[in-house]
Amino acid sequence: MPVAKGPKFNVRSGILFGGLAVLAAIVIGFVAIALGSRSNTLVLGDTEFGSISATNMSAEIAENGPILWPDIANGSRDIWLQHTGDNPGEGWFAFDARRTGEGRECNVSWSAADKNFTDPCSGDVFPEDGEGLPQIPVYIDEINLVIDINGIHEADDFPGFTG
């Protein structure tokens, strides 16, 4: 009874296929390195908080105090939004909730009675505008606040408060 022979292995085809696979891996590696070196220009998500009514937000802060926005992505950049004065078109401050390099347990807390922020780790006190903490630019685009969390805008980009 004859025995069927299996498929023949062609050495030349195997070498060619292997060489192409190695070449493809090298090309993919170079592309990955090139994209990785440009990671400082890659921005995922919003580069700013926007579409926040300056009038509504100033009323909210006047009634309940400054607003802490926790960083839900990785917890590295919690920010406070503060408004001082009666005019919703000016007196806006946004700043990091803690000093650079400190952990989340060192987020400053607001004292309504004293109108200041206190660092629970060092005991340091900061004024109501957050002076002494890393500041974040805040602009007004007609009636809306724009909190420029990545510092990519200029004041001239915005017409100011018209409401």
N, C-alpha and C. Protein backbone atom coordinates (compact mmCIF):
# COMPACT_ATOMS: atom_id res chain seq x y z
N MET A 1 0.84 -1.16 0.00
CA MET A 1 0.00 0.00 0.00
C MET A 1 0.89 1.23 0.00
N PRO A 2 0.71 2.14 -0.96
CA PRO A 2 1.56 3.33 -1.04
C PRO A 2 1.21 4.32 0.09
N VAL A 3 2.22 4.98 0.57
CA VAL A 3 2.07 5.97 1.63
C VAL A 3 2.16 7.37 0.99
N ALA A 4 1.19 8.20 1.30
CA ALA A 4 1.18 9.56 0.75
C ALA A 4 2.27 10.38 1.40
N LYS A 5 2.96 11.15 0.59
CA LYS A 5 4.03 12.00 1.10
C LYS A 5 3.43 13.34 1.54
N GLY A 6 3.96 13.89 2.61
CA GLY A 6 3.52 15.18 3.12
C GLY A 6 4.06 16.30 2.25
N PRO A 7 3.67 17.52 2.57
CA PRO A 7 4.15 18.64 1.78
C PRO A 7 5.66 18.78 1.91
N LYS A 8 6.28 19.17 0.85
CA LYS A 8 7.72 19.36 0.84
C LYS A 8 8.06 20.74 1.39
N PHE A 9 9.12 20.82 2.15
CA PHE A 9 9.58 22.09 2.67
C PHE A 9 10.61 22.64 1.69
N ASN A 10 10.32 23.82 1.18
CA ASN A 10 11.22 24.46 0.24
C ASN A 10 12.11 25.41 1.02
N VAL A 11 13.38 25.11 1.12
CA VAL A 11 14.33 25.88 1.91
C VAL A 11 14.42 27.32 1.39
N ARG A 12 14.46 27.48 0.10
CA ARG A 12 14.56 28.81 -0.47
C ARG A 12 13.35 29.67 -0.10
N SER A 13 12.14 29.14 -0.16
CA SER A 13 10.93 29.88 0.23
C SER A 13 10.95 30.21 1.71
N GLY A 14 11.42 29.30 2.54
CA GLY A 14 11.50 29.53 3.99
C GLY A 14 12.46 30.66 4.32
N ILE A 15 13.61 30.70 3.66
CA ILE A 15 14.58 31.76 3.90
C ILE A 15 14.00 33.11 3.45
N LEU A 16 13.36 33.13 2.30
CA LEU A 16 12.75 34.35 1.79
C LEU A 16 11.67 34.86 2.75
N PHE A 17 10.80 33.97 3.21
CA PHE A 17 9.73 34.35 4.13
C PHE A 17 10.31 34.85 5.45
N GLY A 18 11.28 34.19 5.98
CA GLY A 18 11.93 34.60 7.23
C GLY A 18 12.59 35.95 7.10
N GLY A 19 13.26 36.19 5.98
CA GLY A 19 13.91 37.48 5.75
C GLY A 19 12.90 38.61 5.68
N LEU A 20 11.79 38.38 5.00
CA LEU A 20 10.74 39.40 4.92
C LEU A 20 10.14 39.68 6.31
N ALA A 21 9.98 38.67 7.13
CA ALA A 21 9.44 38.86 8.48
C ALA A 21 10.39 39.70 9.33
N VAL A 22 11.69 39.45 9.22
CA VAL A 22 12.68 40.23 9.97
C VAL A 22 12.68 41.68 9.48
N LEU A 23 12.63 41.88 8.18
CA LEU A 23 12.59 43.22 7.61
C LEU A 23 11.34 43.98 8.09
N ALA A 24 10.18 43.32 8.11
CA ALA A 24 8.94 43.95 8.57
C ALA A 24 9.05 44.34 10.04
N ALA A 25 9.66 43.48 10.85
CA ALA A 25 9.83 43.78 12.28
C ALA A 25 10.74 44.99 12.47
N ILE A 26 11.79 45.11 11.67
CA ILE A 26 12.70 46.25 11.76
C ILE A 26 11.97 47.54 11.39
N VAL A 27 11.19 47.52 10.32
CA VAL A 27 10.44 48.70 9.89
C VAL A 27 9.44 49.11 10.98
N ILE A 28 8.73 48.15 11.53
CA ILE A 28 7.76 48.46 12.60
C ILE A 28 8.48 49.05 13.81
N GLY A 29 9.64 48.54 14.13
CA GLY A 29 10.44 49.07 15.24
C GLY A 29 10.84 50.51 15.01
N PHE A 30 11.31 50.83 13.80
CA PHE A 30 11.68 52.21 13.50
C PHE A 30 10.48 53.16 13.57
N VAL A 31 9.35 52.71 13.08
CA VAL A 31 8.13 53.54 13.16
C VAL A 31 7.74 53.77 14.62
N ALA A 32 7.82 52.73 15.44
CA ALA A 32 7.48 52.88 16.85
C ALA A 32 8.43 53.85 17.55
N ILE A 33 9.71 53.77 17.24
CA ILE A 33 10.68 54.68 17.85
C ILE A 33 10.42 56.12 17.40
N ALA A 34 10.13 56.31 16.12
CA ALA A 34 9.85 57.65 15.61
C ALA A 34 8.61 58.24 16.26
N LEU A 35 7.56 57.46 16.41
CA LEU A 35 6.34 57.96 17.06
C LEU A 35 6.58 58.21 18.54
N GLY A 36 7.36 57.36 19.18
CA GLY A 36 7.65 57.54 20.60
C GLY A 36 8.45 58.78 20.88
N SER A 37 9.34 59.15 19.98
CA SER A 37 10.15 60.35 20.20
C SER A 37 9.34 61.62 20.05
N ARG A 38 8.17 61.55 19.43
CA ARG A 38 7.30 62.72 19.28
C ARG A 38 6.20 62.74 20.32
N SER A 39 6.30 61.94 21.38
CA SER A 39 5.21 61.82 22.34
C SER A 39 4.90 63.13 23.05
N ASN A 40 5.87 64.06 23.10
CA ASN A 40 5.57 65.33 23.76
C ASN A 40 4.59 66.18 22.96
N THR A 41 4.33 65.84 21.72
CA THR A 41 3.36 66.58 20.93
C THR A 41 2.02 65.87 20.87
N LEU A 42 1.96 64.68 21.41
CA LEU A 42 0.72 63.91 21.39
C LEU A 42 -0.14 64.34 22.57
N VAL A 43 -1.36 64.75 22.31
CA VAL A 43 -2.26 65.17 23.37
C VAL A 43 -3.52 64.33 23.25
N LEU A 44 -3.79 63.57 24.30
CA LEU A 44 -5.01 62.79 24.35
C LEU A 44 -6.02 63.52 25.20
N GLY A 45 -7.22 63.67 24.72
CA GLY A 45 -8.24 64.38 25.48
C GLY A 45 -8.16 65.88 25.24
N ASP A 46 -8.88 66.61 26.06
CA ASP A 46 -8.95 68.06 25.91
C ASP A 46 -7.68 68.74 26.41
N THR A 47 -7.33 69.84 25.77
CA THR A 47 -6.18 70.62 26.20
C THR A 47 -6.60 71.76 27.12
N GLU A 48 -7.91 71.88 27.34
CA GLU A 48 -8.42 72.96 28.17
C GLU A 48 -9.81 72.59 28.67
N PHE A 49 -10.22 73.24 29.76
CA PHE A 49 -11.61 73.20 30.16
C PHE A 49 -12.25 74.37 29.45
N GLY A 50 -13.40 74.16 28.85
CA GLY A 50 -14.07 75.26 28.17
C GLY A 50 -15.58 75.14 28.35
N SER A 51 -16.29 76.09 27.79
CA SER A 51 -17.76 76.13 27.84
C SER A 51 -18.28 76.12 29.28
N ILE A 52 -17.61 76.88 30.13
CA ILE A 52 -18.05 77.03 31.51
C ILE A 52 -18.52 78.48 31.65
N SER A 53 -19.77 78.67 31.93
CA SER A 53 -20.33 80.02 32.03
C SER A 53 -19.67 80.78 33.18
N ALA A 54 -19.03 81.89 32.86
CA ALA A 54 -18.37 82.71 33.88
C ALA A 54 -19.39 83.24 34.89
N THR A 55 -20.55 83.64 34.42
CA THR A 55 -21.58 84.18 35.31
C THR A 55 -22.09 83.11 36.28
N ASN A 56 -22.43 81.95 35.75
CA ASN A 56 -22.93 80.87 36.60
C ASN A 56 -21.87 80.37 37.57
N MET A 57 -20.64 80.23 37.08
CA MET A 57 -19.58 79.70 37.93
C MET A 57 -19.20 80.70 39.02
N SER A 58 -19.19 82.00 38.71
CA SER A 58 -18.87 82.98 39.76
C SER A 58 -19.94 82.97 40.85
N ALA A 59 -21.21 82.78 40.47
CA ALA A 59 -22.29 82.69 41.46
C ALA A 59 -22.13 81.43 42.32
N GLU A 60 -21.77 80.33 41.68
CA GLU A 60 -21.56 79.07 42.41
C GLU A 60 -20.43 79.21 43.42
N ILE A 61 -19.32 79.81 43.02
CA ILE A 61 -18.18 79.97 43.92
C ILE A 61 -18.50 80.96 45.03
N ALA A 62 -19.25 82.02 44.72
CA ALA A 62 -19.64 82.98 45.76
C ALA A 62 -20.48 82.31 46.83
N GLU A 63 -21.32 81.36 46.42
CA GLU A 63 -22.20 80.68 47.36
C GLU A 63 -21.52 79.54 48.10
N ASN A 64 -20.71 78.75 47.40
CA ASN A 64 -20.17 77.51 47.98
C ASN A 64 -18.66 77.44 48.11
N GLY A 65 -17.96 78.46 47.65
CA GLY A 65 -16.50 78.46 47.73
C GLY A 65 -15.87 77.91 46.47
N PRO A 66 -14.54 77.95 46.41
CA PRO A 66 -13.83 77.49 45.21
C PRO A 66 -14.11 76.02 44.92
N ILE A 67 -13.87 75.65 43.67
CA ILE A 67 -14.21 74.30 43.21
C ILE A 67 -12.94 73.50 42.97
N LEU A 68 -12.87 72.32 43.56
CA LEU A 68 -11.76 71.40 43.34
C LEU A 68 -12.17 70.41 42.25
N TRP A 69 -11.37 70.37 41.17
CA TRP A 69 -11.58 69.39 40.12
C TRP A 69 -10.50 68.33 40.22
N PRO A 70 -10.88 67.13 40.66
CA PRO A 70 -9.87 66.07 40.74
C PRO A 70 -9.51 65.56 39.35
N ASP A 71 -8.26 65.18 39.18
CA ASP A 71 -7.79 64.58 37.93
C ASP A 71 -8.23 63.12 37.94
N ILE A 72 -9.24 62.80 37.13
CA ILE A 72 -9.76 61.43 37.14
C ILE A 72 -8.92 60.48 36.29
N ALA A 73 -8.02 61.02 35.47
CA ALA A 73 -7.20 60.16 34.62
C ALA A 73 -6.15 59.41 35.44
N ASN A 74 -5.31 60.15 36.15
CA ASN A 74 -4.26 59.47 36.92
C ASN A 74 -3.98 60.14 38.26
N GLY A 75 -4.75 61.13 38.62
CA GLY A 75 -4.61 61.77 39.92
C GLY A 75 -3.41 62.66 40.08
N SER A 76 -2.72 62.98 38.97
CA SER A 76 -1.50 63.77 39.09
C SER A 76 -1.74 65.27 39.00
N ARG A 77 -2.94 65.69 38.57
CA ARG A 77 -3.15 67.12 38.38
C ARG A 77 -4.55 67.54 38.82
N ASP A 78 -4.78 67.56 40.12
CA ASP A 78 -6.02 68.10 40.65
C ASP A 78 -5.88 69.63 40.62
N ILE A 79 -6.98 70.33 40.30
CA ILE A 79 -6.89 71.79 40.23
C ILE A 79 -8.04 72.45 40.99
N TRP A 80 -7.76 73.64 41.50
CA TRP A 80 -8.76 74.49 42.11
C TRP A 80 -9.13 75.60 41.14
N LEU A 81 -10.41 75.94 41.09
CA LEU A 81 -10.90 77.11 40.37
C LEU A 81 -11.45 78.07 41.40
N GLN A 82 -10.97 79.32 41.38
CA GLN A 82 -11.36 80.32 42.35
C GLN A 82 -11.76 81.61 41.64
N HIS A 83 -12.75 82.27 42.18
CA HIS A 83 -13.16 83.59 41.68
C HIS A 83 -13.23 84.55 42.85
N THR A 84 -12.62 85.72 42.66
CA THR A 84 -12.67 86.75 43.69
C THR A 84 -13.34 87.99 43.11
N GLY A 85 -14.04 88.73 43.94
CA GLY A 85 -14.71 89.94 43.48
C GLY A 85 -16.13 89.66 43.02
N ASP A 86 -16.79 90.72 42.57
CA ASP A 86 -18.19 90.63 42.15
C ASP A 86 -18.38 90.56 40.64
N ASN A 87 -17.35 90.91 39.87
CA ASN A 87 -17.46 90.95 38.42
C ASN A 87 -17.09 89.59 37.83
N PRO A 88 -18.03 88.90 37.16
CA PRO A 88 -17.70 87.59 36.58
C PRO A 88 -16.71 87.68 35.42
N GLY A 89 -16.42 88.88 34.95
CA GLY A 89 -15.49 89.05 33.84
C GLY A 89 -14.04 89.15 34.26
N GLU A 90 -13.76 89.15 35.56
CA GLU A 90 -12.38 89.23 36.04
C GLU A 90 -12.27 88.58 37.41
N GLY A 91 -11.04 88.40 37.87
CA GLY A 91 -10.81 87.82 39.19
C GLY A 91 -10.79 86.31 39.21
N TRP A 92 -10.42 85.68 38.10
CA TRP A 92 -10.39 84.21 38.01
C TRP A 92 -8.99 83.67 38.25
N PHE A 93 -8.93 82.56 38.98
CA PHE A 93 -7.66 81.90 39.26
C PHE A 93 -7.87 80.39 39.19
N ALA A 94 -6.95 79.72 38.53
CA ALA A 94 -6.92 78.26 38.54
C ALA A 94 -5.49 77.88 38.91
N PHE A 95 -5.35 76.86 39.74
CA PHE A 95 -4.01 76.47 40.19
C PHE A 95 -4.02 75.02 40.64
N ASP A 96 -2.83 74.43 40.61
CA ASP A 96 -2.68 73.05 41.07
C ASP A 96 -3.07 72.97 42.53
N ALA A 97 -3.66 71.85 42.91
CA ALA A 97 -4.12 71.68 44.28
C ALA A 97 -3.00 71.35 45.26
N ARG A 98 -1.79 71.19 44.76
CA ARG A 98 -0.65 70.90 45.63
C ARG A 98 0.62 71.38 44.96
N ARG A 99 1.66 71.48 45.74
CA ARG A 99 2.96 71.86 45.20
C ARG A 99 3.49 70.75 44.29
N THR A 100 4.33 71.16 43.35
CA THR A 100 4.94 70.20 42.43
C THR A 100 5.72 69.15 43.21
N GLY A 101 5.50 67.89 42.84
CA GLY A 101 6.22 66.79 43.45
C GLY A 101 5.57 66.20 44.69
N GLU A 102 4.53 66.83 45.22
CA GLU A 102 3.86 66.30 46.40
C GLU A 102 2.76 65.34 45.99
N GLY A 103 2.43 64.42 46.89
CA GLY A 103 1.37 63.44 46.65
C GLY A 103 0.00 64.04 46.90
N ARG A 104 -0.99 63.29 46.51
CA ARG A 104 -2.38 63.74 46.62
C ARG A 104 -2.79 64.01 48.08
N GLU A 105 -2.14 63.33 49.00
CA GLU A 105 -2.46 63.56 50.41
C GLU A 105 -2.11 64.99 50.86
N CYS A 106 -1.34 65.70 50.02
CA CYS A 106 -0.93 67.07 50.32
C CYS A 106 -1.76 68.11 49.57
N ASN A 107 -2.91 67.71 48.98
CA ASN A 107 -3.79 68.69 48.35
C ASN A 107 -4.20 69.73 49.37
N VAL A 108 -4.09 71.00 48.99
CA VAL A 108 -4.49 72.07 49.89
C VAL A 108 -6.01 72.03 50.09
N SER A 109 -6.43 72.47 51.26
CA SER A 109 -7.87 72.52 51.55
C SER A 109 -8.29 73.96 51.78
N TRP A 110 -9.53 74.25 51.45
CA TRP A 110 -10.08 75.60 51.54
C TRP A 110 -10.69 75.82 52.92
N SER A 111 -10.41 76.96 53.49
CA SER A 111 -11.04 77.38 54.74
C SER A 111 -11.90 78.60 54.43
N ALA A 112 -13.22 78.41 54.44
CA ALA A 112 -14.14 79.52 54.14
C ALA A 112 -14.05 80.61 55.20
N ALA A 113 -13.85 80.22 56.45
CA ALA A 113 -13.79 81.19 57.53
C ALA A 113 -12.57 82.11 57.39
N ASP A 114 -11.42 81.53 57.01
CA ASP A 114 -10.19 82.31 56.89
C ASP A 114 -9.92 82.81 55.48
N LYS A 115 -10.70 82.32 54.52
CA LYS A 115 -10.52 82.66 53.11
C LYS A 115 -9.09 82.40 52.64
N ASN A 116 -8.63 81.15 52.91
CA ASN A 116 -7.31 80.75 52.44
C ASN A 116 -7.25 79.23 52.28
N PHE A 117 -6.15 78.77 51.73
CA PHE A 117 -5.91 77.35 51.52
C PHE A 117 -4.77 76.92 52.44
N THR A 118 -4.86 75.70 52.97
CA THR A 118 -3.83 75.19 53.85
C THR A 118 -3.31 73.86 53.32
N ASP A 119 -1.99 73.72 53.31
CA ASP A 119 -1.32 72.48 52.92
C ASP A 119 -1.28 71.58 54.16
N PRO A 120 -1.96 70.43 54.12
CA PRO A 120 -2.01 69.58 55.31
C PRO A 120 -0.66 68.92 55.63
N CYS A 121 0.24 68.85 54.67
CA CYS A 121 1.53 68.21 54.90
C CYS A 121 2.54 69.15 55.55
N SER A 122 2.56 70.40 55.08
CA SER A 122 3.55 71.35 55.60
C SER A 122 2.94 72.35 56.58
N GLY A 123 1.62 72.52 56.52
CA GLY A 123 0.96 73.53 57.34
C GLY A 123 1.01 74.92 56.71
N ASP A 124 1.64 75.04 55.53
CA ASP A 124 1.72 76.34 54.87
C ASP A 124 0.34 76.83 54.46
N VAL A 125 0.17 78.14 54.51
CA VAL A 125 -1.10 78.77 54.17
C VAL A 125 -0.91 79.59 52.89
N PHE A 126 -1.89 79.50 51.99
CA PHE A 126 -1.86 80.21 50.72
C PHE A 126 -3.08 81.12 50.64
N PRO A 127 -2.94 82.31 50.03
CA PRO A 127 -4.07 83.22 49.92
C PRO A 127 -5.15 82.67 48.99
N GLU A 128 -6.29 83.34 48.97
CA GLU A 128 -7.44 82.84 48.21
C GLU A 128 -7.20 82.75 46.71
N ASP A 129 -6.19 83.46 46.18
CA ASP A 129 -5.89 83.37 44.75
C ASP A 129 -4.89 82.25 44.43
N GLY A 130 -4.47 81.51 45.44
CA GLY A 130 -3.57 80.38 45.23
C GLY A 130 -2.13 80.77 44.98
N GLU A 131 -1.78 82.03 45.23
CA GLU A 131 -0.39 82.47 45.02
C GLU A 131 0.55 81.57 45.82
N GLY A 132 1.60 81.10 45.13
CA GLY A 132 2.54 80.18 45.75
C GLY A 132 2.35 78.75 45.27
N LEU A 133 1.22 78.49 44.63
CA LEU A 133 0.96 77.18 44.01
C LEU A 133 1.08 77.34 42.50
N PRO A 134 1.39 76.26 41.78
CA PRO A 134 1.51 76.36 40.31
C PRO A 134 0.21 76.87 39.68
N GLN A 135 0.30 78.01 39.00
CA GLN A 135 -0.86 78.67 38.41
C GLN A 135 -1.17 78.13 37.02
N ILE A 136 -2.45 78.17 36.66
CA ILE A 136 -2.93 77.74 35.35
C ILE A 136 -3.68 78.92 34.73
N PRO A 137 -3.34 79.30 33.49
CA PRO A 137 -4.01 80.46 32.88
C PRO A 137 -5.52 80.26 32.73
N VAL A 138 -6.27 81.31 33.02
CA VAL A 138 -7.72 81.32 32.83
C VAL A 138 -8.05 82.50 31.94
N TYR A 139 -8.81 82.24 30.88
CA TYR A 139 -9.22 83.28 29.95
C TYR A 139 -10.74 83.28 29.86
N ILE A 140 -11.28 84.37 29.37
CA ILE A 140 -12.72 84.42 29.14
C ILE A 140 -12.97 84.67 27.66
N ASP A 141 -13.72 83.77 27.07
CA ASP A 141 -14.09 83.85 25.67
C ASP A 141 -15.55 84.30 25.60
N GLU A 142 -15.75 85.59 25.60
CA GLU A 142 -17.05 86.24 25.63
C GLU A 142 -17.79 85.99 26.95
N ILE A 143 -18.42 84.83 27.13
CA ILE A 143 -19.12 84.56 28.39
C ILE A 143 -18.61 83.29 29.08
N ASN A 144 -17.74 82.54 28.41
CA ASN A 144 -17.28 81.27 28.95
C ASN A 144 -15.84 81.33 29.43
N LEU A 145 -15.58 80.61 30.52
CA LEU A 145 -14.22 80.46 31.01
C LEU A 145 -13.48 79.44 30.17
N VAL A 146 -12.21 79.67 29.97
CA VAL A 146 -11.33 78.70 29.34
C VAL A 146 -10.15 78.52 30.29
N ILE A 147 -10.04 77.33 30.87
CA ILE A 147 -8.93 77.03 31.77
C ILE A 147 -7.90 76.29 30.93
N ASP A 148 -6.81 76.95 30.66
CA ASP A 148 -5.78 76.48 29.73
C ASP A 148 -4.80 75.56 30.46
N ILE A 149 -5.23 74.31 30.71
CA ILE A 149 -4.46 73.40 31.55
C ILE A 149 -3.09 73.03 30.97
N ASN A 150 -2.90 73.22 29.69
CA ASN A 150 -1.60 72.91 29.08
C ASN A 150 -0.82 74.16 28.68
N GLY A 151 -1.35 75.34 28.97
CA GLY A 151 -0.64 76.59 28.70
C GLY A 151 -0.32 76.82 27.24
N ILE A 152 -1.30 76.58 26.36
CA ILE A 152 -1.03 76.69 24.92
C ILE A 152 -1.63 77.95 24.29
N HIS A 153 -2.35 78.75 25.06
CA HIS A 153 -3.00 79.94 24.50
C HIS A 153 -2.32 81.23 24.95
N GLU A 154 -2.70 82.30 24.31
CA GLU A 154 -2.29 83.65 24.67
C GLU A 154 -3.56 84.43 24.99
N ALA A 155 -3.44 85.43 25.83
CA ALA A 155 -4.60 86.25 26.19
C ALA A 155 -5.25 86.88 24.97
N ASP A 156 -4.45 87.21 23.94
CA ASP A 156 -4.97 87.84 22.74
C ASP A 156 -5.89 86.91 21.95
N ASP A 157 -5.88 85.60 22.26
CA ASP A 157 -6.74 84.65 21.56
C ASP A 157 -8.20 84.80 21.96
N PHE A 158 -8.47 85.57 23.04
CA PHE A 158 -9.82 85.63 23.58
C PHE A 158 -10.31 87.07 23.66
N PRO A 159 -11.57 87.31 23.29
CA PRO A 159 -12.08 88.67 23.27
C PRO A 159 -12.36 89.25 24.65
N GLY A 160 -12.46 88.42 25.67
CA GLY A 160 -12.79 88.91 26.99
C GLY A 160 -14.28 88.79 27.27
N PHE A 161 -14.68 89.25 28.42
CA PHE A 161 -16.07 89.10 28.89
C PHE A 161 -16.97 90.13 28.22
N THR A 162 -18.05 89.64 27.63
CA THR A 162 -19.01 90.54 27.00
C THR A 162 -20.39 90.41 27.61
N GLY A 163 -20.52 89.55 28.61
CA GLY A 163 -21.84 89.28 29.20
C GLY A 163 -22.18 90.25 30.22
